[in-house]
Amino acid sequence: MRVFVVDGRWEVREGLRLLLEQETDATVVGEAADLRGLLYEAQKAQPDVVLVDWELEGVPGHGTVMQLHALCPRARVIASSVRPESRETALSCGADGFLQKGDPVETILDVIFYSKTE
């Protein structure tokens, strides 16, 4: 599985990359800290999954999801946020899954690999 990680904080990107590198079925194919880097690099990488910060600075989350689905139509877009109340909005805007930052590792891997959260 090819994964692209998007978050404004390098610590979050690094943590997710390190977690996914331990999984034999995952390869991090790119990272971005902002929307411009995300859209350019994700289109080149054509990932299977994009993990994207729902509160990416200066960007409404719903617009990001729509753009990602247009550029990478086969990719699952999984939104992440520190705010649990963002879950319903992210899913209703087209995100294929949702992670609350701080979720246990098992939950993160389950959402990335197996399930569409509803």
C-alpha atoms as a PDB file:
ATOM      1  CA  MET A   1       0.000   0.000   0.000  1.00  0.00           C
ATOM      2  CA  ARG A   2       1.349   3.386  -1.054  1.00  0.00           C
ATOM      3  CA  VAL A   3       0.696   6.099   1.556  1.00  0.00           C
ATOM      4  CA  PHE A   4       1.094   9.873   1.330  1.00  0.00           C
ATOM      5  CA  VAL A   5       1.208  11.821   4.637  1.00  0.00           C
ATOM      6  CA  VAL A   6       0.099  15.462   4.919  1.00  0.00           C
ATOM      7  CA  ASP A   7       0.392  17.502   8.102  1.00  0.00           C
ATOM      8  CA  GLY A   8       1.692  20.955   8.903  1.00  0.00           C
ATOM      9  CA  ARG A   9       3.741  19.574  11.797  1.00  0.00           C
ATOM     10  CA  TRP A  10       6.850  17.616  10.923  1.00  0.00           C
ATOM     11  CA  GLU A  11       6.580  15.653  14.181  1.00  0.00           C
ATOM     12  CA  VAL A  12       3.249  14.202  13.082  1.00  0.00           C
ATOM     13  CA  ARG A  13       4.535  13.336   9.600  1.00  0.00           C
ATOM     14  CA  GLU A  14       7.644  11.727  11.085  1.00  0.00           C
ATOM     15  CA  GLY A  15       5.647   9.699  13.604  1.00  0.00           C
ATOM     16  CA  LEU A  16       3.285   8.370  10.955  1.00  0.00           C
ATOM     17  CA  ARG A  17       6.152   7.601   8.595  1.00  0.00           C
ATOM     18  CA  LEU A  18       8.014   5.672  11.309  1.00  0.00           C
ATOM     19  CA  LEU A  19       4.857   3.770  12.236  1.00  0.00           C
ATOM     20  CA  LEU A  20       4.133   2.828   8.623  1.00  0.00           C
ATOM     21  CA  GLU A  21       7.738   1.825   7.896  1.00  0.00           C
ATOM     22  CA  GLN A  22       7.301  -0.957  10.440  1.00  0.00           C
ATOM     23  CA  GLU A  23       4.451  -2.427   8.391  1.00  0.00           C
ATOM     24  CA  THR A  24       5.501  -4.766   5.591  1.00  0.00           C
ATOM     25  CA  ASP A  25       2.505  -3.822   3.436  1.00  0.00           C
ATOM     26  CA  ALA A  26       3.048  -0.046   3.549  1.00  0.00           C
ATOM     27  CA  THR A  27       5.383   2.361   1.821  1.00  0.00           C
ATOM     28  CA  VAL A  28       5.335   6.100   2.442  1.00  0.00           C
ATOM     29  CA  VAL A  29       5.583   7.556  -1.061  1.00  0.00           C
ATOM     30  CA  GLY A  30       5.548  11.200  -0.044  1.00  0.00           C
ATOM     31  CA  GLU A  31       4.971  13.843   2.577  1.00  0.00           C
ATOM     32  CA  ALA A  32       3.763  17.429   2.471  1.00  0.00           C
ATOM     33  CA  ALA A  33       3.314  20.238   4.960  1.00  0.00           C
ATOM     34  CA  ASP A  34       0.909  22.348   2.911  1.00  0.00           C
ATOM     35  CA  LEU A  35      -1.700  22.190   0.171  1.00  0.00           C
ATOM     36  CA  ARG A  36       0.570  23.202  -2.689  1.00  0.00           C
ATOM     37  CA  GLY A  37       3.115  20.500  -1.882  1.00  0.00           C
ATOM     38  CA  LEU A  38       0.338  17.999  -1.339  1.00  0.00           C
ATOM     39  CA  LEU A  39      -1.426  18.498  -4.657  1.00  0.00           C
ATOM     40  CA  TYR A  40       1.742  18.484  -6.752  1.00  0.00           C
ATOM     41  CA  GLU A  41       3.421  15.541  -5.031  1.00  0.00           C
ATOM     42  CA  ALA A  42       0.306  13.419  -4.542  1.00  0.00           C
ATOM     43  CA  GLN A  43      -0.561  13.614  -8.217  1.00  0.00           C
ATOM     44  CA  LYS A  44       2.962  12.408  -9.082  1.00  0.00           C
ATOM     45  CA  ALA A  45       2.990   9.655  -6.442  1.00  0.00           C
ATOM     46  CA  GLN A  46      -0.555   8.343  -7.078  1.00  0.00           C
ATOM     47  CA  PRO A  47      -0.866   6.863  -3.564  1.00  0.00           C
ATOM     48  CA  ASP A  48      -3.431   4.310  -2.442  1.00  0.00           C
ATOM     49  CA  VAL A  49      -4.068   6.260   0.765  1.00  0.00           C
ATOM     50  CA  VAL A  50      -3.644   9.939   1.659  1.00  0.00           C
ATOM     51  CA  LEU A  51      -3.553  10.811   5.357  1.00  0.00           C
ATOM     52  CA  VAL A  52      -4.403  14.503   5.551  1.00  0.00           C
ATOM     53  CA  ASP A  53      -4.697  16.944   8.428  1.00  0.00           C
ATOM     54  CA  TRP A  54      -8.310  18.188   8.402  1.00  0.00           C
ATOM     55  CA  GLU A  55      -7.183  21.537   9.798  1.00  0.00           C
ATOM     56  CA  LEU A  56      -4.331  22.062   7.331  1.00  0.00           C
ATOM     57  CA  GLU A  57      -3.411  25.729   7.723  1.00  0.00           C
ATOM     58  CA  GLY A  58      -5.352  28.054   5.464  1.00  0.00           C
ATOM     59  CA  VAL A  59      -7.291  25.291   3.723  1.00  0.00           C
ATOM     60  CA  PRO A  60     -10.868  24.160   4.329  1.00  0.00           C
ATOM     61  CA  GLY A  61     -10.833  20.393   4.734  1.00  0.00           C
ATOM     62  CA  HIS A  62     -13.724  19.727   2.374  1.00  0.00           C
ATOM     63  CA  GLY A  63     -11.911  21.471  -0.489  1.00  0.00           C
ATOM     64  CA  THR A  64      -8.805  19.404   0.108  1.00  0.00           C
ATOM     65  CA  VAL A  65     -10.759  16.135  -0.001  1.00  0.00           C
ATOM     66  CA  MET A  66     -12.474  17.114  -3.249  1.00  0.00           C
ATOM     67  CA  GLN A  67      -9.180  18.103  -4.884  1.00  0.00           C
ATOM     68  CA  LEU A  68      -7.493  14.887  -3.776  1.00  0.00           C
ATOM     69  CA  HIS A  69     -10.305  12.729  -5.136  1.00  0.00           C
ATOM     70  CA  ALA A  70     -10.040  14.578  -8.467  1.00  0.00           C
ATOM     71  CA  LEU A  71      -6.227  14.221  -8.696  1.00  0.00           C
ATOM     72  CA  CYS A  72      -5.955  10.708  -7.266  1.00  0.00           C
ATOM     73  CA  PRO A  73      -9.329   9.070  -7.949  1.00  0.00           C
ATOM     74  CA  ARG A  74      -8.296   5.623  -6.656  1.00  0.00           C
ATOM     75  CA  ALA A  75      -6.833   6.930  -3.381  1.00  0.00           C
ATOM     76  CA  ARG A  76      -8.638   6.637  -0.067  1.00  0.00           C
ATOM     77  CA  VAL A  77      -8.511   9.970   1.727  1.00  0.00           C
ATOM     78  CA  ILE A  78      -8.299   9.699   5.509  1.00  0.00           C
ATOM     79  CA  ALA A  79      -8.727  12.915   7.472  1.00  0.00           C
ATOM     80  CA  SER A  80      -7.100  13.432  10.855  1.00  0.00           C
ATOM     81  CA  SER A  81      -7.775  15.985  13.552  1.00  0.00           C
ATOM     82  CA  VAL A  82      -7.260  16.698  17.221  1.00  0.00           C
ATOM     83  CA  ARG A  83     -10.954  17.604  17.320  1.00  0.00           C
ATOM     84  CA  PRO A  84     -13.280  14.591  17.546  1.00  0.00           C
ATOM     85  CA  GLU A  85     -16.184  16.784  16.446  1.00  0.00           C
ATOM     86  CA  SER A  86     -14.526  17.094  13.009  1.00  0.00           C
ATOM     87  CA  ARG A  87     -15.203  13.411  12.286  1.00  0.00           C
ATOM     88  CA  GLU A  88     -18.789  13.774  11.104  1.00  0.00           C
ATOM     89  CA  THR A  89     -17.993  16.791   8.933  1.00  0.00           C
ATOM     90  CA  ALA A  90     -14.945  15.143   7.336  1.00  0.00           C
ATOM     91  CA  LEU A  91     -16.872  11.990   6.477  1.00  0.00           C
ATOM     92  CA  SER A  92     -19.849  13.925   5.125  1.00  0.00           C
ATOM     93  CA  CYS A  93     -17.457  15.934   2.919  1.00  0.00           C
ATOM     94  CA  GLY A  94     -16.150  12.786   1.249  1.00  0.00           C
ATOM     95  CA  ALA A  95     -13.283  11.594   3.436  1.00  0.00           C
ATOM     96  CA  ASP A  96     -13.053   7.807   3.339  1.00  0.00           C
ATOM     97  CA  GLY A  97     -11.969   7.552   6.948  1.00  0.00           C
ATOM     98  CA  PHE A  98     -11.161   9.601  10.021  1.00  0.00           C
ATOM     99  CA  LEU A  99      -8.448   9.413  12.669  1.00  0.00           C
ATOM    100  CA  GLN A 100      -8.372  11.446  15.814  1.00  0.00           C
ATOM    101  CA  LYS A 101      -4.803  12.489  16.514  1.00  0.00           C
ATOM    102  CA  GLY A 102      -3.753  10.574  19.585  1.00  0.00           C
ATOM    103  CA  ASP A 103      -5.704   7.441  18.654  1.00  0.00           C
ATOM    104  CA  PRO A 104      -3.991   4.188  19.682  1.00  0.00           C
ATOM    105  CA  VAL A 105      -1.613   2.672  17.116  1.00  0.00           C
ATOM    106  CA  GLU A 106      -4.001  -0.251  16.540  1.00  0.00           C
ATOM    107  CA  THR A 107      -6.822   2.125  15.609  1.00  0.00           C
ATOM    108  CA  ILE A 108      -4.593   4.113  13.256  1.00  0.00           C
ATOM    109  CA  LEU A 109      -3.439   0.993  11.433  1.00  0.00           C
ATOM    110  CA  ASP A 110      -6.958  -0.434  11.282  1.00  0.00           C
ATOM    111  CA  VAL A 111      -8.330   2.714   9.644  1.00  0.00           C
ATOM    112  CA  ILE A 112      -5.414   2.991   7.204  1.00  0.00           C
ATOM    113  CA  PHE A 113      -5.423  -0.642   6.135  1.00  0.00           C
ATOM    114  CA  TYR A 114      -8.889  -2.046   6.583  1.00  0.00           C
ATOM    115  CA  SER A 115     -11.849   0.091   7.250  1.00  0.00           C
ATOM    116  CA  LYS A 116     -13.872   2.996   6.100  1.00  0.00           C
ATOM    117  CA  THR A 117     -15.055   4.688   9.262  1.00  0.00           C
ATOM    118  CA  GLU A 118     -18.710   5.604   9.185  1.00  0.00           C
END
